């Protein structure tokens, strides 16, 4: 599931610091994650994306929460309970804190980023479990380029971009930091299409995504994303091809939309 979520991230990421007029607190999107098993596309998990307001002593932040859980019938085969969070500026979606808590079968990993945008550094904490069940922590400061974001804040940033001013066939580059490594990627606008979705028939922007790290996304124009061509730019459908197979995500429900 970690690879699937990262593929979704690349399918939903841009490094444009535009003004946020698309996302606000109280939004909830639910997706069905399907994976190709022996040639059959099978529904394996539910992916949730939720937003909420968080007040600190100095400011108010927007909490972006993404979680993934396998359906109960698959828990005995490979149980997944993953949580991703990013705390961002409500107006720009610039991240200040990021957390990732991964529980997949016997695999466990926790990652925390604390951003210092003045000098483009991130204080990172990585926690893993030893065979006996004990955990060990590793702290490390990394340097990032201006505009680099984590998985979750990248997932939402695309919705601040104005595709109306982007010509069909044009591409943009963006950067994501994952596991303390910056990944270069690009997005290409392929045009518009109408899709029948669970929130009705929608005109959508069709995007193709590519990554410089070839073990993340595979194939040319094999990784596609459809966003509603309105002020909300809701991701309604995605197809992805990764190193361990291919699959899709379909929007199941959407509530609390800003526009």
C-alpha atoms as a PDB file:
ATOM      1  CA  UNK A   1       0.000   0.000   0.000  1.00  0.00           C
ATOM      2  CA  UNK A   2       2.930   2.351   0.612  1.00  0.00           C
ATOM      3  CA  UNK A   3       3.852   2.124  -3.095  1.00  0.00           C
ATOM      4  CA  UNK A   4       0.234   2.631  -4.118  1.00  0.00           C
ATOM      5  CA  UNK A   5      -0.095   5.758  -1.983  1.00  0.00           C
ATOM      6  CA  UNK A   6       3.169   7.121  -3.311  1.00  0.00           C
ATOM      7  CA  UNK A   7       1.940   6.529  -6.852  1.00  0.00           C
ATOM      8  CA  UNK A   8      -1.230   8.431  -5.975  1.00  0.00           C
ATOM      9  CA  UNK A   9       0.906  11.198  -4.610  1.00  0.00           C
ATOM     10  CA  UNK A  10       2.859  11.498  -7.851  1.00  0.00           C
ATOM     11  CA  UNK A  11      -0.463  11.452  -9.640  1.00  0.00           C
ATOM     12  CA  UNK A  12      -1.631  14.381  -7.499  1.00  0.00           C
ATOM     13  CA  UNK A  13       1.427  16.575  -6.943  1.00  0.00           C
ATOM     14  CA  UNK A  14       2.646  19.967  -8.121  1.00  0.00           C
ATOM     15  CA  UNK A  15       5.097  22.403  -6.532  1.00  0.00           C
ATOM     16  CA  UNK A  16       3.192  25.612  -7.290  1.00  0.00           C
ATOM     17  CA  UNK A  17       2.719  27.874  -4.284  1.00  0.00           C
ATOM     18  CA  UNK A  18      -0.573  29.279  -5.467  1.00  0.00           C
ATOM     19  CA  UNK A  19      -3.307  30.684  -3.260  1.00  0.00           C
ATOM     20  CA  UNK A  20      -5.578  27.971  -1.893  1.00  0.00           C
ATOM     21  CA  UNK A  21      -9.140  28.545  -3.077  1.00  0.00           C
ATOM     22  CA  UNK A  22     -10.067  24.871  -3.402  1.00  0.00           C
ATOM     23  CA  UNK A  23      -9.616  23.160  -0.019  1.00  0.00           C
ATOM     24  CA  UNK A  24     -10.913  24.034   3.452  1.00  0.00           C
ATOM     25  CA  UNK A  25     -11.512  22.306   6.778  1.00  0.00           C
ATOM     26  CA  UNK A  26     -14.301  19.719   6.916  1.00  0.00           C
ATOM     27  CA  UNK A  27     -13.699  18.053   3.543  1.00  0.00           C
ATOM     28  CA  UNK A  28     -13.727  14.238   3.348  1.00  0.00           C
ATOM     29  CA  UNK A  29     -12.958  12.127   0.275  1.00  0.00           C
ATOM     30  CA  UNK A  30     -13.223   8.327   0.263  1.00  0.00           C
ATOM     31  CA  UNK A  31     -11.627   6.140  -2.417  1.00  0.00           C
ATOM     32  CA  UNK A  32     -11.668   2.461  -3.297  1.00  0.00           C
ATOM     33  CA  UNK A  33      -8.152   1.162  -4.010  1.00  0.00           C
ATOM     34  CA  UNK A  34      -8.032  -1.757  -6.446  1.00  0.00           C
ATOM     35  CA  UNK A  35      -5.057  -3.882  -7.432  1.00  0.00           C
ATOM     36  CA  UNK A  36      -4.434  -6.352 -10.231  1.00  0.00           C
ATOM     37  CA  UNK A  37      -4.287  -9.842  -8.724  1.00  0.00           C
ATOM     38  CA  UNK A  38      -3.706 -12.645 -11.249  1.00  0.00           C
ATOM     39  CA  UNK A  39      -5.151 -10.509 -14.015  1.00  0.00           C
ATOM     40  CA  UNK A  40      -8.268  -9.507 -12.065  1.00  0.00           C
ATOM     41  CA  UNK A  41      -8.737  -5.991 -10.713  1.00  0.00           C
ATOM     42  CA  UNK A  42      -9.689  -6.548  -7.066  1.00  0.00           C
ATOM     43  CA  UNK A  43     -10.927  -4.029  -4.475  1.00  0.00           C
ATOM     44  CA  UNK A  44      -8.430  -4.297  -1.596  1.00  0.00           C
ATOM     45  CA  UNK A  45      -8.622  -1.181   0.554  1.00  0.00           C
ATOM     46  CA  UNK A  46     -10.285   2.097   1.360  1.00  0.00           C
ATOM     47  CA  UNK A  47      -8.285   5.335   1.189  1.00  0.00           C
ATOM     48  CA  UNK A  48      -9.545   8.365   3.104  1.00  0.00           C
ATOM     49  CA  UNK A  49      -8.510  12.020   2.718  1.00  0.00           C
ATOM     50  CA  UNK A  50      -9.795  14.424   5.410  1.00  0.00           C
ATOM     51  CA  UNK A  51      -9.144  18.042   6.383  1.00  0.00           C
ATOM     52  CA  UNK A  52      -9.604  19.781   9.734  1.00  0.00           C
ATOM     53  CA  UNK A  53      -8.587  23.005  11.476  1.00  0.00           C
ATOM     54  CA  UNK A  54      -5.896  22.933  14.172  1.00  0.00           C
ATOM     55  CA  UNK A  55      -5.198  25.938  16.393  1.00  0.00           C
ATOM     56  CA  UNK A  56      -1.764  26.432  17.963  1.00  0.00           C
ATOM     57  CA  UNK A  57      -0.551  29.122  20.373  1.00  0.00           C
ATOM     58  CA  UNK A  58       0.696  31.189  17.423  1.00  0.00           C
ATOM     59  CA  UNK A  59      -1.422  30.357  14.389  1.00  0.00           C
ATOM     60  CA  UNK A  60      -4.154  28.236  12.802  1.00  0.00           C
ATOM     61  CA  UNK A  61      -3.136  25.344  10.551  1.00  0.00           C
ATOM     62  CA  UNK A  62      -4.987  23.002   8.231  1.00  0.00           C
ATOM     63  CA  UNK A  63      -4.519  19.323   9.048  1.00  0.00           C
ATOM     64  CA  UNK A  64      -4.424  17.102   5.964  1.00  0.00           C
ATOM     65  CA  UNK A  65      -4.973  13.474   6.895  1.00  0.00           C
ATOM     66  CA  UNK A  66      -4.696  10.490   4.551  1.00  0.00           C
ATOM     67  CA  UNK A  67      -5.276   6.938   5.737  1.00  0.00           C
ATOM     68  CA  UNK A  68      -5.467   3.515   4.119  1.00  0.00           C
ATOM     69  CA  UNK A  69      -6.931   0.285   5.472  1.00  0.00           C
ATOM     70  CA  UNK A  70      -7.487  -3.053   3.810  1.00  0.00           C
ATOM     71  CA  UNK A  71     -11.024  -4.413   3.791  1.00  0.00           C
ATOM     72  CA  UNK A  72     -11.581  -6.976   6.564  1.00  0.00           C
ATOM     73  CA  UNK A  73     -11.622  -9.947   4.190  1.00  0.00           C
ATOM     74  CA  UNK A  74      -8.012  -9.157   3.222  1.00  0.00           C
ATOM     75  CA  UNK A  75      -6.658  -8.492   6.723  1.00  0.00           C
ATOM     76  CA  UNK A  76      -5.746 -12.153   7.239  1.00  0.00           C
ATOM     77  CA  UNK A  77      -3.724 -12.113   4.021  1.00  0.00           C
ATOM     78  CA  UNK A  78      -1.963  -8.756   4.410  1.00  0.00           C
ATOM     79  CA  UNK A  79      -3.313  -6.263   6.926  1.00  0.00           C
ATOM     80  CA  UNK A  80      -2.674  -2.584   6.190  1.00  0.00           C
ATOM     81  CA  UNK A  81      -3.254   0.356   8.510  1.00  0.00           C
ATOM     82  CA  UNK A  82      -1.370   3.405   7.203  1.00  0.00           C
ATOM     83  CA  UNK A  83      -1.657   7.019   8.322  1.00  0.00           C
ATOM     84  CA  UNK A  84      -0.181  10.116   6.648  1.00  0.00           C
ATOM     85  CA  UNK A  85      -0.597  13.657   8.028  1.00  0.00           C
ATOM     86  CA  UNK A  86       0.606  17.108   7.052  1.00  0.00           C
ATOM     87  CA  UNK A  87      -0.011  20.370   8.920  1.00  0.00           C
ATOM     88  CA  UNK A  88      -0.032  23.271   6.467  1.00  0.00           C
ATOM     89  CA  UNK A  89      -0.875  26.932   5.974  1.00  0.00           C
ATOM     90  CA  UNK A  90      -4.591  27.180   5.103  1.00  0.00           C
ATOM     91  CA  UNK A  91      -3.877  29.854   2.469  1.00  0.00           C
ATOM     92  CA  UNK A  92      -0.803  28.419   0.685  1.00  0.00           C
ATOM     93  CA  UNK A  93      -0.728  24.745   1.826  1.00  0.00           C
ATOM     94  CA  UNK A  94       2.971  25.161   2.667  1.00  0.00           C
ATOM     95  CA  UNK A  95       3.790  22.356   5.156  1.00  0.00           C
ATOM     96  CA  UNK A  96       5.224  22.881   8.626  1.00  0.00           C
ATOM     97  CA  UNK A  97       4.927  19.359  10.059  1.00  0.00           C
ATOM     98  CA  UNK A  98       4.536  15.938   8.453  1.00  0.00           C
ATOM     99  CA  UNK A  99       4.004  12.481   9.971  1.00  0.00           C
ATOM    100  CA  UNK A 100       3.811   9.025   8.430  1.00  0.00           C
ATOM    101  CA  UNK A 101       2.864   5.913  10.404  1.00  0.00           C
ATOM    102  CA  UNK A 102       3.090   2.710   8.357  1.00  0.00           C
ATOM    103  CA  UNK A 103       1.732  -0.665   9.545  1.00  0.00           C
ATOM    104  CA  UNK A 104       1.753  -3.266   6.768  1.00  0.00           C
ATOM    105  CA  UNK A 105       1.791  -6.903   7.853  1.00  0.00           C
ATOM    106  CA  UNK A 106       4.888  -7.269  10.049  1.00  0.00           C
ATOM    107  CA  UNK A 107       6.427  -4.058   8.668  1.00  0.00           C
ATOM    108  CA  UNK A 108       6.370  -0.887  10.755  1.00  0.00           C
ATOM    109  CA  UNK A 109       7.849   2.542  10.082  1.00  0.00           C
ATOM    110  CA  UNK A 110       7.277   6.021  11.473  1.00  0.00           C
ATOM    111  CA  UNK A 111       8.625   9.225   9.899  1.00  0.00           C
ATOM    112  CA  UNK A 112       8.331  12.815  11.091  1.00  0.00           C
ATOM    113  CA  UNK A 113       9.414  15.985   9.255  1.00  0.00           C
ATOM    114  CA  UNK A 114       9.675  19.410  10.885  1.00  0.00           C
ATOM    115  CA  UNK A 115      10.269  22.080   8.231  1.00  0.00           C
ATOM    116  CA  UNK A 116      12.520  25.136   8.448  1.00  0.00           C
ATOM    117  CA  UNK A 117      11.643  27.070   5.295  1.00  0.00           C
ATOM    118  CA  UNK A 118      14.042  29.916   6.011  1.00  0.00           C
ATOM    119  CA  UNK A 119      17.100  27.756   5.322  1.00  0.00           C
ATOM    120  CA  UNK A 120      15.392  24.967   3.315  1.00  0.00           C
ATOM    121  CA  UNK A 121      16.106  22.240   5.852  1.00  0.00           C
ATOM    122  CA  UNK A 122      13.973  19.537   7.445  1.00  0.00           C
ATOM    123  CA  UNK A 123      14.514  17.950  10.857  1.00  0.00           C
ATOM    124  CA  UNK A 124      13.601  14.298  10.346  1.00  0.00           C
ATOM    125  CA  UNK A 125      12.875  11.513  12.816  1.00  0.00           C
ATOM    126  CA  UNK A 126      12.689   7.912  11.608  1.00  0.00           C
ATOM    127  CA  UNK A 127      11.481   5.092  13.869  1.00  0.00           C
ATOM    128  CA  UNK A 128      11.544   1.377  13.060  1.00  0.00           C
ATOM    129  CA  UNK A 129      10.896  -1.814  15.002  1.00  0.00           C
ATOM    130  CA  UNK A 130      13.539  -4.399  15.778  1.00  0.00           C
ATOM    131  CA  UNK A 131      12.802  -8.115  15.509  1.00  0.00           C
ATOM    132  CA  UNK A 132      12.110  -8.318  19.247  1.00  0.00           C
ATOM    133  CA  UNK A 133       9.512  -5.563  19.025  1.00  0.00           C
ATOM    134  CA  UNK A 134      11.632  -2.736  20.437  1.00  0.00           C
ATOM    135  CA  UNK A 135      11.941   0.455  18.411  1.00  0.00           C
ATOM    136  CA  UNK A 136      14.974   2.533  17.459  1.00  0.00           C
ATOM    137  CA  UNK A 137      15.047   6.190  16.462  1.00  0.00           C
ATOM    138  CA  UNK A 138      17.268   7.997  13.984  1.00  0.00           C
ATOM    139  CA  UNK A 139      17.382  11.804  13.801  1.00  0.00           C
ATOM    140  CA  UNK A 140      18.781  13.536  10.735  1.00  0.00           C
ATOM    141  CA  UNK A 141      18.692  17.030   9.205  1.00  0.00           C
ATOM    142  CA  UNK A 142      18.317  17.121   5.435  1.00  0.00           C
ATOM    143  CA  UNK A 143      18.492  19.982   2.930  1.00  0.00           C
ATOM    144  CA  UNK A 144      15.707  20.393   0.381  1.00  0.00           C
ATOM    145  CA  UNK A 145      15.120  22.639  -2.602  1.00  0.00           C
ATOM    146  CA  UNK A 146      12.678  25.510  -2.376  1.00  0.00           C
ATOM    147  CA  UNK A 147       9.214  24.229  -3.303  1.00  0.00           C
ATOM    148  CA  UNK A 148       9.818  20.634  -2.202  1.00  0.00           C
ATOM    149  CA  UNK A 149       6.917  19.156  -0.242  1.00  0.00           C
ATOM    150  CA  UNK A 150       5.982  15.916   1.488  1.00  0.00           C
ATOM    151  CA  UNK A 151       3.508  13.377   0.143  1.00  0.00           C
ATOM    152  CA  UNK A 152       0.353  14.702   1.759  1.00  0.00           C
ATOM    153  CA  UNK A 153       0.809  18.441   1.175  1.00  0.00           C
ATOM    154  CA  UNK A 154       1.697  17.578  -2.428  1.00  0.00           C
ATOM    155  CA  UNK A 155      -1.563  15.642  -2.753  1.00  0.00           C
ATOM    156  CA  UNK A 156      -3.528  18.802  -2.075  1.00  0.00           C
ATOM    157  CA  UNK A 157      -1.292  21.409  -3.744  1.00  0.00           C
ATOM    158  CA  UNK A 158      -2.365  20.442  -7.246  1.00  0.00           C
ATOM    159  CA  UNK A 159      -5.835  21.715  -6.452  1.00  0.00           C
ATOM    160  CA  UNK A 160      -4.518  25.277  -6.113  1.00  0.00           C
ATOM    161  CA  UNK A 161      -3.169  25.287  -9.674  1.00  0.00           C
ATOM    162  CA  UNK A 162      -5.064  26.969 -12.505  1.00  0.00           C
ATOM    163  CA  UNK A 163      -5.138  24.469 -15.372  1.00  0.00           C
ATOM    164  CA  UNK A 164      -7.162  26.911 -17.448  1.00  0.00           C
ATOM    165  CA  UNK A 165      -3.882  28.698 -18.245  1.00  0.00           C
ATOM    166  CA  UNK A 166      -2.022  25.495 -19.177  1.00  0.00           C
ATOM    167  CA  UNK A 167      -2.001  24.406 -22.823  1.00  0.00           C
ATOM    168  CA  UNK A 168      -2.714  20.779 -23.733  1.00  0.00           C
ATOM    169  CA  UNK A 169       0.566  18.891 -24.084  1.00  0.00           C
ATOM    170  CA  UNK A 170       2.491  21.216 -21.775  1.00  0.00           C
ATOM    171  CA  UNK A 171       4.339  19.812 -18.761  1.00  0.00           C
ATOM    172  CA  UNK A 172       5.439  21.073 -15.372  1.00  0.00           C
ATOM    173  CA  UNK A 173       8.133  19.707 -13.045  1.00  0.00           C
ATOM    174  CA  UNK A 174       7.743  19.217  -9.293  1.00  0.00           C
ATOM    175  CA  UNK A 175       9.643  17.713  -6.352  1.00  0.00           C
ATOM    176  CA  UNK A 176       8.493  15.417  -3.524  1.00  0.00           C
ATOM    177  CA  UNK A 177      10.551  14.365  -0.517  1.00  0.00           C
ATOM    178  CA  UNK A 178       9.995  10.768   0.611  1.00  0.00           C
ATOM    179  CA  UNK A 179      12.218   8.760   2.942  1.00  0.00           C
ATOM    180  CA  UNK A 180      14.549  11.776   3.099  1.00  0.00           C
ATOM    181  CA  UNK A 181      15.091  11.708  -0.673  1.00  0.00           C
ATOM    182  CA  UNK A 182      13.885  14.242  -3.236  1.00  0.00           C
ATOM    183  CA  UNK A 183      12.072  12.743  -6.243  1.00  0.00           C
ATOM    184  CA  UNK A 184      11.810  14.705  -9.501  1.00  0.00           C
ATOM    185  CA  UNK A 185       8.596  14.274 -11.452  1.00  0.00           C
ATOM    186  CA  UNK A 186       6.532  15.953 -14.146  1.00  0.00           C
ATOM    187  CA  UNK A 187       2.857  16.376 -15.001  1.00  0.00           C
ATOM    188  CA  UNK A 188       1.450  16.742 -18.526  1.00  0.00           C
ATOM    189  CA  UNK A 189      -2.022  18.019 -19.323  1.00  0.00           C
ATOM    190  CA  UNK A 190      -3.573  15.653 -21.884  1.00  0.00           C
ATOM    191  CA  UNK A 191      -6.859  17.486 -22.208  1.00  0.00           C
ATOM    192  CA  UNK A 192     -10.394  17.198 -20.822  1.00  0.00           C
ATOM    193  CA  UNK A 193     -12.781  14.230 -20.618  1.00  0.00           C
ATOM    194  CA  UNK A 194     -16.220  13.603 -19.161  1.00  0.00           C
ATOM    195  CA  UNK A 195     -16.340  10.808 -16.568  1.00  0.00           C
ATOM    196  CA  UNK A 196     -19.318   9.200 -14.850  1.00  0.00           C
ATOM    197  CA  UNK A 197     -18.418   9.210 -11.138  1.00  0.00           C
ATOM    198  CA  UNK A 198     -20.083   8.563  -7.791  1.00  0.00           C
ATOM    199  CA  UNK A 199     -20.625  12.324  -7.482  1.00  0.00           C
ATOM    200  CA  UNK A 200     -22.205  12.565 -10.937  1.00  0.00           C
ATOM    201  CA  UNK A 201     -21.014  13.063 -14.488  1.00  0.00           C
ATOM    202  CA  UNK A 202     -18.040  15.426 -14.365  1.00  0.00           C
ATOM    203  CA  UNK A 203     -15.871  17.222 -16.890  1.00  0.00           C
ATOM    204  CA  UNK A 204     -12.299  16.446 -15.811  1.00  0.00           C
ATOM    205  CA  UNK A 205      -8.724  17.428 -16.486  1.00  0.00           C
ATOM    206  CA  UNK A 206      -6.798  14.372 -17.687  1.00  0.00           C
ATOM    207  CA  UNK A 207      -3.160  14.332 -16.531  1.00  0.00           C
ATOM    208  CA  UNK A 208      -0.198  12.048 -17.212  1.00  0.00           C
ATOM    209  CA  UNK A 209       2.551  11.751 -14.585  1.00  0.00           C
ATOM    210  CA  UNK A 210       6.177  10.634 -14.919  1.00  0.00           C
ATOM    211  CA  UNK A 211       8.976  10.242 -12.353  1.00  0.00           C
ATOM    212  CA  UNK A 212      12.756  10.296 -12.660  1.00  0.00           C
ATOM    213  CA  UNK A 213      13.012   7.421 -10.184  1.00  0.00           C
ATOM    214  CA  UNK A 214      12.070   4.524 -12.443  1.00  0.00           C
ATOM    215  CA  UNK A 215      11.202   2.070  -9.653  1.00  0.00           C
ATOM    216  CA  UNK A 216       8.295   4.302  -8.583  1.00  0.00           C
ATOM    217  CA  UNK A 217       6.169   4.708 -11.708  1.00  0.00           C
ATOM    218  CA  UNK A 218       6.416   2.552 -14.826  1.00  0.00           C
ATOM    219  CA  UNK A 219       5.531   3.117 -18.465  1.00  0.00           C
ATOM    220  CA  UNK A 220       4.871   6.215 -20.547  1.00  0.00           C
ATOM    221  CA  UNK A 221       1.352   7.584 -20.053  1.00  0.00           C
ATOM    222  CA  UNK A 222       0.562   4.542 -17.858  1.00  0.00           C
ATOM    223  CA  UNK A 223      -0.069   6.716 -14.810  1.00  0.00           C
ATOM    224  CA  UNK A 224      -3.102   8.914 -15.258  1.00  0.00           C
ATOM    225  CA  UNK A 225      -5.219  11.143 -13.054  1.00  0.00           C
ATOM    226  CA  UNK A 226      -8.597  12.787 -13.627  1.00  0.00           C
ATOM    227  CA  UNK A 227      -9.503  15.957 -11.632  1.00  0.00           C
ATOM    228  CA  UNK A 228     -12.865  17.684 -11.824  1.00  0.00           C
ATOM    229  CA  UNK A 229     -12.555  20.763 -14.051  1.00  0.00           C
ATOM    230  CA  UNK A 230     -14.113  23.091 -11.484  1.00  0.00           C
ATOM    231  CA  UNK A 231     -12.982  25.170  -8.497  1.00  0.00           C
ATOM    232  CA  UNK A 232     -12.645  22.089  -6.247  1.00  0.00           C
ATOM    233  CA  UNK A 233     -10.462  20.005  -8.600  1.00  0.00           C
ATOM    234  CA  UNK A 234     -11.467  16.795  -6.852  1.00  0.00           C
ATOM    235  CA  UNK A 235      -9.464  13.684  -7.810  1.00  0.00           C
ATOM    236  CA  UNK A 236     -12.136  11.259  -9.031  1.00  0.00           C
ATOM    237  CA  UNK A 237     -10.131   8.521 -10.748  1.00  0.00           C
ATOM    238  CA  UNK A 238      -6.512   7.399 -11.120  1.00  0.00           C
ATOM    239  CA  UNK A 239      -4.726   4.585 -12.905  1.00  0.00           C
ATOM    240  CA  UNK A 240      -1.199   3.665 -11.920  1.00  0.00           C
ATOM    241  CA  UNK A 241       1.540   1.234 -12.894  1.00  0.00           C
ATOM    242  CA  UNK A 242       4.284   0.593 -10.344  1.00  0.00           C
ATOM    243  CA  UNK A 243       7.159  -1.855  -9.942  1.00  0.00           C
ATOM    244  CA  UNK A 244       5.013  -4.476  -8.202  1.00  0.00           C
ATOM    245  CA  UNK A 245       1.938  -4.238 -10.459  1.00  0.00           C
ATOM    246  CA  UNK A 246      -0.886  -1.928 -11.482  1.00  0.00           C
ATOM    247  CA  UNK A 247      -4.194  -0.733 -10.159  1.00  0.00           C
ATOM    248  CA  UNK A 248      -6.622   2.125  -9.823  1.00  0.00           C
ATOM    249  CA  UNK A 249      -8.350   4.423  -7.353  1.00  0.00           C
ATOM    250  CA  UNK A 250     -11.981   5.467  -7.686  1.00  0.00           C
ATOM    251  CA  UNK A 251     -13.741   8.168  -5.716  1.00  0.00           C
ATOM    252  CA  UNK A 252     -16.386   6.578  -3.515  1.00  0.00           C
ATOM    253  CA  UNK A 253     -17.843   9.686  -1.887  1.00  0.00           C
ATOM    254  CA  UNK A 254     -17.097  13.391  -1.301  1.00  0.00           C
ATOM    255  CA  UNK A 255     -18.458  15.716   1.364  1.00  0.00           C
ATOM    256  CA  UNK A 256     -17.644  19.150   2.788  1.00  0.00           C
ATOM    257  CA  UNK A 257     -16.317  20.536  -0.498  1.00  0.00           C
ATOM    258  CA  UNK A 258     -15.327  24.199  -0.344  1.00  0.00           C
ATOM    259  CA  UNK A 259     -17.036  25.299  -3.579  1.00  0.00           C
END
